[in-house]
Amino acid sequence: MKIAEVREMSVADLRDRIEVEKNNLDTMKFNHAVSPLEDTSKIAKTRRDIARMMTVLAEKESKQN
């Protein structure tokens, strides 16, 4: 997910999307532990996407206060 896409999202959408992506990451990690994933870089990409979304969320919340 590109940073421009993340910045366009509302605070509520960001919170929801972060929760979904965290659950997706947990599922991928579990599946990888059971049987290796074909593309292990998906785990790192998802982790980075979550970090991007959390950073933008923190920026938006600090501007609201």
C-alpha atoms as a PDB file:
ATOM      1  CA  MET A   1       0.000   0.000   0.000  1.00  0.00           C
ATOM      2  CA  LYS A   2       1.369   3.382  -0.984  1.00  0.00           C
ATOM      3  CA  ILE A   3       1.707   6.184   1.552  1.00  0.00           C
ATOM      4  CA  ALA A   4      -0.522   8.418  -0.593  1.00  0.00           C
ATOM      5  CA  GLU A   5      -3.330   5.855  -0.303  1.00  0.00           C
ATOM      6  CA  VAL A   6      -2.876   5.695   3.459  1.00  0.00           C
ATOM      7  CA  ARG A   7      -2.949   9.483   3.862  1.00  0.00           C
ATOM      8  CA  GLU A   8      -6.304   9.662   2.025  1.00  0.00           C
ATOM      9  CA  MET A   9      -7.980   7.328   4.523  1.00  0.00           C
ATOM     10  CA  SER A  10      -9.993   8.649   7.458  1.00  0.00           C
ATOM     11  CA  VAL A  11      -9.007   7.957  11.060  1.00  0.00           C
ATOM     12  CA  ALA A  12     -11.773   5.380  11.505  1.00  0.00           C
ATOM     13  CA  ASP A  13     -10.820   3.631   8.260  1.00  0.00           C
ATOM     14  CA  LEU A  14      -7.182   3.540   9.351  1.00  0.00           C
ATOM     15  CA  ARG A  15      -8.061   1.964  12.686  1.00  0.00           C
ATOM     16  CA  ASP A  16     -10.188  -0.682  10.991  1.00  0.00           C
ATOM     17  CA  ARG A  17      -7.583  -1.412   8.326  1.00  0.00           C
ATOM     18  CA  ILE A  18      -4.787  -1.695  10.927  1.00  0.00           C
ATOM     19  CA  GLU A  19      -6.829  -4.253  12.845  1.00  0.00           C
ATOM     20  CA  VAL A  20      -7.516  -6.264   9.694  1.00  0.00           C
ATOM     21  CA  GLU A  21      -3.862  -6.189   8.634  1.00  0.00           C
ATOM     22  CA  LYS A  22      -2.674  -7.239  12.107  1.00  0.00           C
ATOM     23  CA  ASN A  23      -4.996 -10.243  11.982  1.00  0.00           C
ATOM     24  CA  ASN A  24      -3.757 -11.016   8.467  1.00  0.00           C
ATOM     25  CA  LEU A  25      -0.139 -10.824   9.668  1.00  0.00           C
ATOM     26  CA  ASP A  26      -0.831 -13.188  12.567  1.00  0.00           C
ATOM     27  CA  THR A  27      -2.469 -15.647  10.181  1.00  0.00           C
ATOM     28  CA  MET A  28       0.464 -15.465   7.763  1.00  0.00           C
ATOM     29  CA  LYS A  29       2.972 -16.027  10.576  1.00  0.00           C
ATOM     30  CA  PHE A  30       1.023 -19.019  11.835  1.00  0.00           C
ATOM     31  CA  ASN A  31       0.706 -20.512   8.354  1.00  0.00           C
ATOM     32  CA  HIS A  32       4.410 -19.950   7.754  1.00  0.00           C
ATOM     33  CA  ALA A  33       5.262 -21.789  10.975  1.00  0.00           C
ATOM     34  CA  VAL A  34       3.162 -24.781   9.900  1.00  0.00           C
ATOM     35  CA  SER A  35       4.255 -24.895   6.269  1.00  0.00           C
ATOM     36  CA  PRO A  36       6.597 -22.372   4.624  1.00  0.00           C
ATOM     37  CA  LEU A  37       5.011 -19.676   2.500  1.00  0.00           C
ATOM     38  CA  GLU A  38       6.007 -19.396  -1.142  1.00  0.00           C
ATOM     39  CA  ASP A  39       6.692 -15.675  -0.821  1.00  0.00           C
ATOM     40  CA  THR A  40       8.013 -14.899   2.648  1.00  0.00           C
ATOM     41  CA  SER A  41       8.485 -11.223   1.758  1.00  0.00           C
ATOM     42  CA  LYS A  42       4.709 -10.797   2.187  1.00  0.00           C
ATOM     43  CA  ILE A  43       5.227 -10.915   5.957  1.00  0.00           C
ATOM     44  CA  ALA A  44       7.704  -8.031   5.875  1.00  0.00           C
ATOM     45  CA  LYS A  45       5.548  -6.041   3.430  1.00  0.00           C
ATOM     46  CA  THR A  46       2.496  -6.423   5.660  1.00  0.00           C
ATOM     47  CA  ARG A  47       4.499  -5.388   8.710  1.00  0.00           C
ATOM     48  CA  ARG A  48       5.703  -2.256   6.904  1.00  0.00           C
ATOM     49  CA  ASP A  49       2.180  -1.422   5.741  1.00  0.00           C
ATOM     50  CA  ILE A  50       0.952  -1.637   9.326  1.00  0.00           C
ATOM     51  CA  ALA A  51       3.772   0.659  10.445  1.00  0.00           C
ATOM     52  CA  ARG A  52       2.912   3.176   7.714  1.00  0.00           C
ATOM     53  CA  MET A  53      -0.738   3.181   8.709  1.00  0.00           C
ATOM     54  CA  MET A  54       0.088   3.562  12.396  1.00  0.00           C
ATOM     55  CA  THR A  55       2.403   6.491  11.649  1.00  0.00           C
ATOM     56  CA  VAL A  56      -0.222   8.310   9.593  1.00  0.00           C
ATOM     57  CA  LEU A  57      -2.843   7.570  12.242  1.00  0.00           C
ATOM     58  CA  ALA A  58      -0.622   9.087  14.939  1.00  0.00           C
ATOM     59  CA  GLU A  59      -0.060  12.173  12.757  1.00  0.00           C
ATOM     60  CA  LYS A  60      -3.777  12.641  12.153  1.00  0.00           C
ATOM     61  CA  GLU A  61      -4.646  12.154  15.824  1.00  0.00           C
ATOM     62  CA  SER A  62      -2.013  14.664  16.938  1.00  0.00           C
ATOM     63  CA  LYS A  63      -3.393  17.245  14.493  1.00  0.00           C
ATOM     64  CA  GLN A  64      -6.899  16.782  15.904  1.00  0.00           C
ATOM     65  CA  ASN A  65      -5.756  17.631  19.440  1.00  0.00           C
END
